[in-house]
C-alpha atoms as a PDB file:
ATOM      1  CA  UNK A   1     121.741   2.012  67.213  1.00  0.00           C
ATOM      2  CA  UNK A   2     119.948   4.667  69.180  1.00  0.00           C
ATOM      3  CA  UNK A   3     122.419   7.159  70.588  1.00  0.00           C
ATOM      4  CA  UNK A   4     123.009   7.402  74.338  1.00  0.00           C
ATOM      5  CA  UNK A   5     122.114  11.104  74.233  1.00  0.00           C
ATOM      6  CA  UNK A   6     118.643  10.376  72.892  1.00  0.00           C
ATOM      7  CA  UNK A   7     118.022   7.835  75.625  1.00  0.00           C
ATOM      8  CA  UNK A   8     119.148  10.357  78.195  1.00  0.00           C
ATOM      9  CA  UNK A   9     116.856  13.052  76.883  1.00  0.00           C
ATOM     10  CA  UNK A  10     119.152  14.509  74.215  1.00  0.00           C
ATOM     11  CA  UNK A  11     117.750  16.344  71.191  1.00  0.00           C
ATOM     12  CA  UNK A  12     117.022  14.399  68.031  1.00  0.00           C
ATOM     13  CA  UNK A  13     115.701  17.652  66.574  1.00  0.00           C
ATOM     14  CA  UNK A  14     114.474  20.842  68.150  1.00  0.00           C
ATOM     15  CA  UNK A  15     111.515  20.034  70.378  1.00  0.00           C
ATOM     16  CA  UNK A  16     108.353  21.129  68.613  1.00  0.00           C
ATOM     17  CA  UNK A  17     110.126  21.752  65.296  1.00  0.00           C
ATOM     18  CA  UNK A  18     108.762  19.979  62.232  1.00  0.00           C
ATOM     19  CA  UNK A  19     110.849  16.886  61.603  1.00  0.00           C
ATOM     20  CA  UNK A  20     108.616  15.655  58.760  1.00  0.00           C
ATOM     21  CA  UNK A  21     106.334  17.921  56.734  1.00  0.00           C
ATOM     22  CA  UNK A  22     103.775  16.775  54.185  1.00  0.00           C
ATOM     23  CA  UNK A  23     102.765  19.296  51.561  1.00  0.00           C
ATOM     24  CA  UNK A  24      99.869  18.504  49.240  1.00  0.00           C
ATOM     25  CA  UNK A  25     100.457  14.748  49.255  1.00  0.00           C
ATOM     26  CA  UNK A  26      98.007  12.794  47.088  1.00  0.00           C
ATOM     27  CA  UNK A  27      97.661   9.100  46.254  1.00  0.00           C
ATOM     28  CA  UNK A  28      95.313   7.452  43.790  1.00  0.00           C
ATOM     29  CA  UNK A  29      94.517   3.807  43.139  1.00  0.00           C
ATOM     30  CA  UNK A  30      92.921   3.942  39.714  1.00  0.00           C
ATOM     31  CA  UNK A  31      89.806   6.089  40.036  1.00  0.00           C
ATOM     32  CA  UNK A  32      89.912   5.936  43.833  1.00  0.00           C
ATOM     33  CA  UNK A  33      91.456   8.970  45.521  1.00  0.00           C
ATOM     34  CA  UNK A  34      92.931   7.573  48.730  1.00  0.00           C
ATOM     35  CA  UNK A  35      94.695  10.808  49.752  1.00  0.00           C
ATOM     36  CA  UNK A  36      93.808  14.287  48.563  1.00  0.00           C
ATOM     37  CA  UNK A  37      96.175  17.255  49.064  1.00  0.00           C
ATOM     38  CA  UNK A  38      97.291  16.123  52.540  1.00  0.00           C
ATOM     39  CA  UNK A  39      99.288  18.753  54.436  1.00  0.00           C
ATOM     40  CA  UNK A  40     100.509  18.578  58.033  1.00  0.00           C
ATOM     41  CA  UNK A  41     103.675  18.546  60.136  1.00  0.00           C
ATOM     42  CA  UNK A  42     105.099  15.906  62.462  1.00  0.00           C
ATOM     43  CA  UNK A  43     107.151  17.714  65.136  1.00  0.00           C
ATOM     44  CA  UNK A  44     110.063  16.238  67.032  1.00  0.00           C
ATOM     45  CA  UNK A  45     109.507  15.538  70.710  1.00  0.00           C
ATOM     46  CA  UNK A  46     105.748  15.140  70.332  1.00  0.00           C
ATOM     47  CA  UNK A  47     103.159  12.416  69.767  1.00  0.00           C
ATOM     48  CA  UNK A  48     101.084  13.178  66.674  1.00  0.00           C
ATOM     49  CA  UNK A  49      97.944  11.044  66.497  1.00  0.00           C
ATOM     50  CA  UNK A  50      96.581  10.241  63.038  1.00  0.00           C
ATOM     51  CA  UNK A  51      92.917   9.305  63.345  1.00  0.00           C
ATOM     52  CA  UNK A  52      89.924   8.762  61.098  1.00  0.00           C
ATOM     53  CA  UNK A  53      87.145   6.322  60.345  1.00  0.00           C
ATOM     54  CA  UNK A  54      87.730   3.140  58.350  1.00  0.00           C
ATOM     55  CA  UNK A  55      88.674   4.089  54.802  1.00  0.00           C
ATOM     56  CA  UNK A  56      89.804   7.590  55.772  1.00  0.00           C
ATOM     57  CA  UNK A  57      93.294   7.001  54.390  1.00  0.00           C
ATOM     58  CA  UNK A  58      95.320   6.370  57.559  1.00  0.00           C
ATOM     59  CA  UNK A  59      96.963   3.163  56.345  1.00  0.00           C
ATOM     60  CA  UNK A  60      97.749   4.621  52.932  1.00  0.00           C
ATOM     61  CA  UNK A  61      99.244   7.667  54.634  1.00  0.00           C
ATOM     62  CA  UNK A  62     101.662   5.725  56.813  1.00  0.00           C
ATOM     63  CA  UNK A  63     102.571   3.455  53.890  1.00  0.00           C
ATOM     64  CA  UNK A  64     103.516   6.525  51.847  1.00  0.00           C
ATOM     65  CA  UNK A  65     105.637   7.887  54.696  1.00  0.00           C
ATOM     66  CA  UNK A  66     107.318   4.512  55.257  1.00  0.00           C
ATOM     67  CA  UNK A  67     108.070   4.034  51.559  1.00  0.00           C
ATOM     68  CA  UNK A  68     105.659   1.216  50.756  1.00  0.00           C
ATOM     69  CA  UNK A  69     103.576   3.422  48.435  1.00  0.00           C
ATOM     70  CA  UNK A  70     104.866   6.275  46.306  1.00  0.00           C
ATOM     71  CA  UNK A  71     102.664   9.398  46.357  1.00  0.00           C
ATOM     72  CA  UNK A  72     101.239  10.587  43.047  1.00  0.00           C
ATOM     73  CA  UNK A  73     101.621  14.223  44.006  1.00  0.00           C
ATOM     74  CA  UNK A  74     102.904  16.556  46.688  1.00  0.00           C
ATOM     75  CA  UNK A  75     106.143  16.717  48.593  1.00  0.00           C
ATOM     76  CA  UNK A  76     107.839  15.456  51.734  1.00  0.00           C
ATOM     77  CA  UNK A  77     110.158  17.752  53.671  1.00  0.00           C
ATOM     78  CA  UNK A  78     112.591  16.221  56.172  1.00  0.00           C
ATOM     79  CA  UNK A  79     114.055  18.730  58.617  1.00  0.00           C
ATOM     80  CA  UNK A  80     112.932  21.435  56.187  1.00  0.00           C
ATOM     81  CA  UNK A  81     114.554  19.935  53.086  1.00  0.00           C
ATOM     82  CA  UNK A  82     112.711  18.198  50.199  1.00  0.00           C
ATOM     83  CA  UNK A  83     113.240  14.439  50.116  1.00  0.00           C
ATOM     84  CA  UNK A  84     111.983  11.485  48.111  1.00  0.00           C
ATOM     85  CA  UNK A  85     110.833   8.363  49.935  1.00  0.00           C
ATOM     86  CA  UNK A  86     110.690   5.795  47.159  1.00  0.00           C
ATOM     87  CA  UNK A  87     110.966   2.637  49.258  1.00  0.00           C
ATOM     88  CA  UNK A  88     111.428   1.454  52.878  1.00  0.00           C
ATOM     89  CA  UNK A  89     115.224   1.712  52.498  1.00  0.00           C
ATOM     90  CA  UNK A  90     114.901   5.447  51.828  1.00  0.00           C
ATOM     91  CA  UNK A  91     112.648   5.808  54.866  1.00  0.00           C
ATOM     92  CA  UNK A  92     115.061   3.930  57.136  1.00  0.00           C
ATOM     93  CA  UNK A  93     118.005   5.980  55.850  1.00  0.00           C
ATOM     94  CA  UNK A  94     116.213   9.145  56.984  1.00  0.00           C
ATOM     95  CA  UNK A  95     115.405   7.664  60.385  1.00  0.00           C
ATOM     96  CA  UNK A  96     111.791   6.586  59.833  1.00  0.00           C
ATOM     97  CA  UNK A  97     110.840   3.252  61.386  1.00  0.00           C
ATOM     98  CA  UNK A  98     107.343   1.749  61.398  1.00  0.00           C
ATOM     99  CA  UNK A  99     105.892  -0.667  63.936  1.00  0.00           C
ATOM    100  CA  UNK A 100     103.104  -2.356  62.012  1.00  0.00           C
ATOM    101  CA  UNK A 101     100.049  -3.824  63.679  1.00  0.00           C
ATOM    102  CA  UNK A 102     101.263  -7.387  63.070  1.00  0.00           C
ATOM    103  CA  UNK A 103     104.632  -6.410  64.700  1.00  0.00           C
ATOM    104  CA  UNK A 104     106.638  -8.540  62.213  1.00  0.00           C
ATOM    105  CA  UNK A 105     108.307 -10.525  65.005  1.00  0.00           C
ATOM    106  CA  UNK A 106     109.403 -14.158  64.676  1.00  0.00           C
ATOM    107  CA  UNK A 107     108.090 -16.355  67.479  1.00  0.00           C
ATOM    108  CA  UNK A 108     110.856 -18.935  67.033  1.00  0.00           C
ATOM    109  CA  UNK A 109     113.624 -16.373  67.680  1.00  0.00           C
ATOM    110  CA  UNK A 110     114.632 -14.664  70.918  1.00  0.00           C
ATOM    111  CA  UNK A 111     114.514 -10.927  71.642  1.00  0.00           C
ATOM    112  CA  UNK A 112     118.077 -10.182  70.479  1.00  0.00           C
ATOM    113  CA  UNK A 113     117.641 -12.191  67.284  1.00  0.00           C
ATOM    114  CA  UNK A 114     114.402 -10.336  66.498  1.00  0.00           C
ATOM    115  CA  UNK A 115     115.863  -6.903  67.157  1.00  0.00           C
ATOM    116  CA  UNK A 116     118.770  -7.566  64.778  1.00  0.00           C
ATOM    117  CA  UNK A 117     116.878  -9.681  62.223  1.00  0.00           C
ATOM    118  CA  UNK A 118     118.228  -8.851  58.777  1.00  0.00           C
ATOM    119  CA  UNK A 119     120.801  -6.461  60.263  1.00  0.00           C
ATOM    120  CA  UNK A 120     122.973  -8.893  62.203  1.00  0.00           C
ATOM    121  CA  UNK A 121     126.395  -7.750  63.342  1.00  0.00           C
ATOM    122  CA  UNK A 122     129.361  -9.889  62.461  1.00  0.00           C
ATOM    123  CA  UNK A 123     132.973 -10.141  63.573  1.00  0.00           C
ATOM    124  CA  UNK A 124     135.490 -12.235  61.668  1.00  0.00           C
ATOM    125  CA  UNK A 125     132.757 -13.945  59.649  1.00  0.00           C
ATOM    126  CA  UNK A 126     130.803 -14.946  62.781  1.00  0.00           C
ATOM    127  CA  UNK A 127     127.853 -13.348  64.508  1.00  0.00           C
ATOM    128  CA  UNK A 128     128.898 -10.761  67.090  1.00  0.00           C
ATOM    129  CA  UNK A 129     126.548 -12.155  69.708  1.00  0.00           C
ATOM    130  CA  UNK A 130     128.029 -10.216  72.623  1.00  0.00           C
ATOM    131  CA  UNK A 131     127.831  -6.880  70.789  1.00  0.00           C
ATOM    132  CA  UNK A 132     124.219  -7.503  69.778  1.00  0.00           C
ATOM    133  CA  UNK A 133     123.238  -8.559  73.295  1.00  0.00           C
ATOM    134  CA  UNK A 134     124.804  -5.424  74.755  1.00  0.00           C
ATOM    135  CA  UNK A 135     123.110  -3.125  72.241  1.00  0.00           C
ATOM    136  CA  UNK A 136     119.723  -4.797  72.707  1.00  0.00           C
ATOM    137  CA  UNK A 137     120.008  -4.667  76.482  1.00  0.00           C
ATOM    138  CA  UNK A 138     121.074  -1.012  76.462  1.00  0.00           C
ATOM    139  CA  UNK A 139     118.169  -0.032  74.224  1.00  0.00           C
ATOM    140  CA  UNK A 140     115.591  -1.891  76.297  1.00  0.00           C
ATOM    141  CA  UNK A 141     116.969  -0.466  79.530  1.00  0.00           C
ATOM    142  CA  UNK A 142     117.068   3.037  78.091  1.00  0.00           C
ATOM    143  CA  UNK A 143     113.375   2.752  77.216  1.00  0.00           C
ATOM    144  CA  UNK A 144     112.599   1.369  80.702  1.00  0.00           C
ATOM    145  CA  UNK A 145     111.435  -1.971  79.300  1.00  0.00           C
ATOM    146  CA  UNK A 146     112.053  -4.009  82.442  1.00  0.00           C
ATOM    147  CA  UNK A 147     109.369  -6.705  82.389  1.00  0.00           C
ATOM    148  CA  UNK A 148     111.193  -9.284  80.252  1.00  0.00           C
ATOM    149  CA  UNK A 149     113.123 -11.977  82.124  1.00  0.00           C
ATOM    150  CA  UNK A 150     116.017 -12.104  79.672  1.00  0.00           C
ATOM    151  CA  UNK A 151     116.958 -10.613  76.339  1.00  0.00           C
ATOM    152  CA  UNK A 152     117.446 -14.225  75.239  1.00  0.00           C
ATOM    153  CA  UNK A 153     113.825 -15.018  76.073  1.00  0.00           C
ATOM    154  CA  UNK A 154     111.916 -16.435  73.063  1.00  0.00           C
ATOM    155  CA  UNK A 155     109.417 -13.956  71.646  1.00  0.00           C
ATOM    156  CA  UNK A 156     106.778 -16.705  71.683  1.00  0.00           C
ATOM    157  CA  UNK A 157     106.858 -16.611  75.493  1.00  0.00           C
ATOM    158  CA  UNK A 158     106.180 -12.847  75.738  1.00  0.00           C
ATOM    159  CA  UNK A 159     102.884 -11.198  76.576  1.00  0.00           C
ATOM    160  CA  UNK A 160     101.200  -8.892  74.075  1.00  0.00           C
ATOM    161  CA  UNK A 161     102.527  -5.798  75.820  1.00  0.00           C
ATOM    162  CA  UNK A 162     106.047  -7.199  75.984  1.00  0.00           C
ATOM    163  CA  UNK A 163     105.947  -8.088  72.285  1.00  0.00           C
ATOM    164  CA  UNK A 164     104.846  -4.562  71.438  1.00  0.00           C
ATOM    165  CA  UNK A 165     107.646  -3.156  73.608  1.00  0.00           C
ATOM    166  CA  UNK A 166     110.232  -5.318  71.806  1.00  0.00           C
ATOM    167  CA  UNK A 167     108.894  -4.205  68.409  1.00  0.00           C
ATOM    168  CA  UNK A 168     109.167  -0.548  69.466  1.00  0.00           C
ATOM    169  CA  UNK A 169     112.682  -1.075  70.870  1.00  0.00           C
ATOM    170  CA  UNK A 170     113.651  -2.760  67.597  1.00  0.00           C
ATOM    171  CA  UNK A 171     112.526   0.358  65.718  1.00  0.00           C
ATOM    172  CA  UNK A 172     114.398   2.695  68.065  1.00  0.00           C
ATOM    173  CA  UNK A 173     117.595   0.630  67.853  1.00  0.00           C
ATOM    174  CA  UNK A 174     118.395   1.876  64.345  1.00  0.00           C
ATOM    175  CA  UNK A 175     118.977   5.607  64.889  1.00  0.00           C
ATOM    176  CA  UNK A 176     115.327   6.371  64.316  1.00  0.00           C
ATOM    177  CA  UNK A 177     114.056   9.930  64.534  1.00  0.00           C
ATOM    178  CA  UNK A 178     110.417   9.213  63.667  1.00  0.00           C
ATOM    179  CA  UNK A 179     108.623   6.108  64.928  1.00  0.00           C
ATOM    180  CA  UNK A 180     105.240   5.314  63.358  1.00  0.00           C
ATOM    181  CA  UNK A 181     102.974   2.994  65.353  1.00  0.00           C
ATOM    182  CA  UNK A 182      99.899   1.374  63.824  1.00  0.00           C
ATOM    183  CA  UNK A 183      97.314   0.443  66.482  1.00  0.00           C
ATOM    184  CA  UNK A 184      99.958  -0.374  69.137  1.00  0.00           C
ATOM    185  CA  UNK A 185      97.425  -1.262  71.858  1.00  0.00           C
ATOM    186  CA  UNK A 186      95.040  -3.356  69.772  1.00  0.00           C
ATOM    187  CA  UNK A 187      93.970  -6.515  71.648  1.00  0.00           C
ATOM    188  CA  UNK A 188      95.965  -5.575  74.772  1.00  0.00           C
ATOM    189  CA  UNK A 189      94.620  -5.662  78.321  1.00  0.00           C
ATOM    190  CA  UNK A 190      94.458  -2.656  80.618  1.00  0.00           C
ATOM    191  CA  UNK A 191      97.850  -3.170  82.267  1.00  0.00           C
ATOM    192  CA  UNK A 192      99.610  -3.977  78.991  1.00  0.00           C
ATOM    193  CA  UNK A 193      98.019  -0.941  77.314  1.00  0.00           C
ATOM    194  CA  UNK A 194      99.289   1.310  80.103  1.00  0.00           C
ATOM    195  CA  UNK A 195     102.789  -0.139  79.693  1.00  0.00           C
ATOM    196  CA  UNK A 196     102.834   0.498  75.930  1.00  0.00           C
ATOM    197  CA  UNK A 197     101.377   4.012  76.230  1.00  0.00           C
ATOM    198  CA  UNK A 198     104.031   4.825  78.830  1.00  0.00           C
ATOM    199  CA  UNK A 199     106.680   3.712  76.348  1.00  0.00           C
ATOM    200  CA  UNK A 200     105.114   5.843  73.597  1.00  0.00           C
ATOM    201  CA  UNK A 201     105.223   8.877  75.871  1.00  0.00           C
ATOM    202  CA  UNK A 202     108.859   8.223  76.839  1.00  0.00           C
ATOM    203  CA  UNK A 203     109.907   8.151  73.180  1.00  0.00           C
ATOM    204  CA  UNK A 204     108.487  11.638  72.626  1.00  0.00           C
ATOM    205  CA  UNK A 205     109.856  12.936  75.916  1.00  0.00           C
ATOM    206  CA  UNK A 206     113.335  11.888  74.757  1.00  0.00           C
ATOM    207  CA  UNK A 207     113.061  13.938  71.589  1.00  0.00           C
ATOM    208  CA  UNK A 208     111.798  11.462  68.989  1.00  0.00           C
ATOM    209  CA  UNK A 209     108.820  12.242  66.785  1.00  0.00           C
ATOM    210  CA  UNK A 210     106.039   9.691  67.220  1.00  0.00           C
ATOM    211  CA  UNK A 211     103.105   9.173  64.879  1.00  0.00           C
ATOM    212  CA  UNK A 212     100.348   7.141  66.510  1.00  0.00           C
ATOM    213  CA  UNK A 213      97.548   5.586  64.459  1.00  0.00           C
ATOM    214  CA  UNK A 214      94.717   4.400  66.667  1.00  0.00           C
ATOM    215  CA  UNK A 215      90.961   3.897  66.800  1.00  0.00           C
ATOM    216  CA  UNK A 216      91.050   4.046  70.589  1.00  0.00           C
ATOM    217  CA  UNK A 217      90.174   7.603  71.607  1.00  0.00           C
ATOM    218  CA  UNK A 218      91.136   6.951  75.236  1.00  0.00           C
ATOM    219  CA  UNK A 219      94.657   6.058  74.111  1.00  0.00           C
ATOM    220  CA  UNK A 220      94.835   9.045  71.774  1.00  0.00           C
ATOM    221  CA  UNK A 221      93.898  11.564  74.448  1.00  0.00           C
ATOM    222  CA  UNK A 222      96.157   9.812  76.970  1.00  0.00           C
ATOM    223  CA  UNK A 223      99.394  10.416  75.052  1.00  0.00           C
ATOM    224  CA  UNK A 224      98.862  12.653  72.009  1.00  0.00           C
ATOM    225  CA  UNK A 225     100.164  16.210  71.866  1.00  0.00           C
ATOM    226  CA  UNK A 226      98.597  16.892  68.476  1.00  0.00           C
ATOM    227  CA  UNK A 227      95.784  15.247  66.528  1.00  0.00           C
ATOM    228  CA  UNK A 228      95.428  15.029  62.755  1.00  0.00           C
ATOM    229  CA  UNK A 229      91.927  14.023  61.631  1.00  0.00           C
ATOM    230  CA  UNK A 230      91.472  12.409  58.222  1.00  0.00           C
ATOM    231  CA  UNK A 231      88.127  12.067  56.451  1.00  0.00           C
ATOM    232  CA  UNK A 232      87.753  10.517  53.001  1.00  0.00           C
ATOM    233  CA  UNK A 233      91.452  11.012  52.310  1.00  0.00           C
ATOM    234  CA  UNK A 234      91.520  14.678  53.316  1.00  0.00           C
ATOM    235  CA  UNK A 235      92.834  16.404  56.425  1.00  0.00           C
ATOM    236  CA  UNK A 236      89.900  18.119  58.139  1.00  0.00           C
ATOM    237  CA  UNK A 237      91.708  19.211  61.312  1.00  0.00           C
ATOM    238  CA  UNK A 238      95.204  19.553  62.771  1.00  0.00           C
ATOM    239  CA  UNK A 239      94.956  20.741  66.360  1.00  0.00           C
ATOM    240  CA  UNK A 240      96.602  20.396  69.764  1.00  0.00           C
ATOM    241  CA  UNK A 241      94.907  17.595  71.685  1.00  0.00           C
ATOM    242  CA  UNK A 242      93.942  20.086  74.404  1.00  0.00           C
ATOM    243  CA  UNK A 243      91.706  21.903  71.915  1.00  0.00           C
ATOM    244  CA  UNK A 244      89.691  18.779  71.121  1.00  0.00           C
ATOM    245  CA  UNK A 245      87.600  16.230  72.952  1.00  0.00           C
ATOM    246  CA  UNK A 246      86.113  12.879  71.971  1.00  0.00           C
ATOM    247  CA  UNK A 247      82.810  14.253  70.724  1.00  0.00           C
ATOM    248  CA  UNK A 248      84.461  16.946  68.583  1.00  0.00           C
ATOM    249  CA  UNK A 249      86.744  14.303  67.086  1.00  0.00           C
ATOM    250  CA  UNK A 250      83.768  12.068  66.266  1.00  0.00           C
ATOM    251  CA  UNK A 251      82.058  15.029  64.559  1.00  0.00           C
ATOM    252  CA  UNK A 252      85.185  15.725  62.496  1.00  0.00           C
ATOM    253  CA  UNK A 253      85.659  12.074  61.542  1.00  0.00           C
ATOM    254  CA  UNK A 254      82.044  11.643  60.414  1.00  0.00           C
ATOM    255  CA  UNK A 255      81.084  15.032  58.949  1.00  0.00           C
ATOM    256  CA  UNK A 256      84.333  16.967  58.606  1.00  0.00           C
ATOM    257  CA  UNK A 257      83.174  19.833  60.843  1.00  0.00           C
ATOM    258  CA  UNK A 258      82.183  20.458  64.441  1.00  0.00           C
ATOM    259  CA  UNK A 259      80.528  23.448  66.104  1.00  0.00           C
ATOM    260  CA  UNK A 260      81.115  22.156  69.615  1.00  0.00           C
ATOM    261  CA  UNK A 261      83.415  23.761  72.140  1.00  0.00           C
ATOM    262  CA  UNK A 262      85.749  21.793  74.371  1.00  0.00           C
ATOM    263  CA  UNK A 263      84.044  21.087  77.693  1.00  0.00           C
ATOM    264  CA  UNK A 264      86.207  22.568  80.453  1.00  0.00           C
ATOM    265  CA  UNK A 265      87.214  20.236  83.276  1.00  0.00           C
ATOM    266  CA  UNK A 266      85.088  20.466  86.429  1.00  0.00           C
ATOM    267  CA  UNK A 267      86.338  22.965  88.971  1.00  0.00           C
ATOM    268  CA  UNK A 268      86.814  22.144  92.621  1.00  0.00           C
ATOM    269  CA  UNK A 269      84.471  24.631  94.312  1.00  0.00           C
ATOM    270  CA  UNK A 270      85.930  23.768  97.687  1.00  0.00           C
ATOM    271  CA  UNK A 271      89.418  24.846  96.609  1.00  0.00           C
ATOM    272  CA  UNK A 272      88.213  28.334  95.724  1.00  0.00           C
ATOM    273  CA  UNK A 273      86.784  29.076  99.158  1.00  0.00           C
END
């Protein structure tokens, strides 16, 4: 379960320090090179956006980090130490949890049952319902997820934003240090998108590392601290979000380079007088 200190703003790792580092990671599927010598860091306490056009290698990248695929070359460093992520169990043991685009929630179960699915707590050979309810409620409250009526509310009755919030809370519940989110605002309305992006930002502000995969540039620039741009399986840029804008990112995604400069925000001429 997520620790009270992390919900209160405690350190999961040093803010800005590399929690996960990729060094020369490559992945091939036969003759197809899906990832080529990928190198970048994922710092704690920040949102790192992983972006690229279709086929750039984003999905393969997060599947390698989450243990679904094994890289063919390169190395992962976790808190500066070499590690092997051979399967999702290895990833979870490190503190890596992934919220996939399909959310992997069961509509016929309630919020508590979904959050503990496959990891149910027991007491004297029976489900520890009270313990699970308390842990689920504490996690949701700590993440400021306040829109659900009850933690025993069926997931089928939740809105898209609420479902996404439950999926994120489920990931955070298990002592996660890195939360990977694949298109978390896809098919959401404006209000629901704002709710989910606020939750993404709160995770980073409380010290967790967040990796956000998204095609929505508005969402990326709303919450990302750093942006990693993939093109044809290669990293073509790793920069603070403040050093990029939408047009530069499009250039990088499509051609791998950009000669543009970031357009400065308009100045208020009246304030200078």
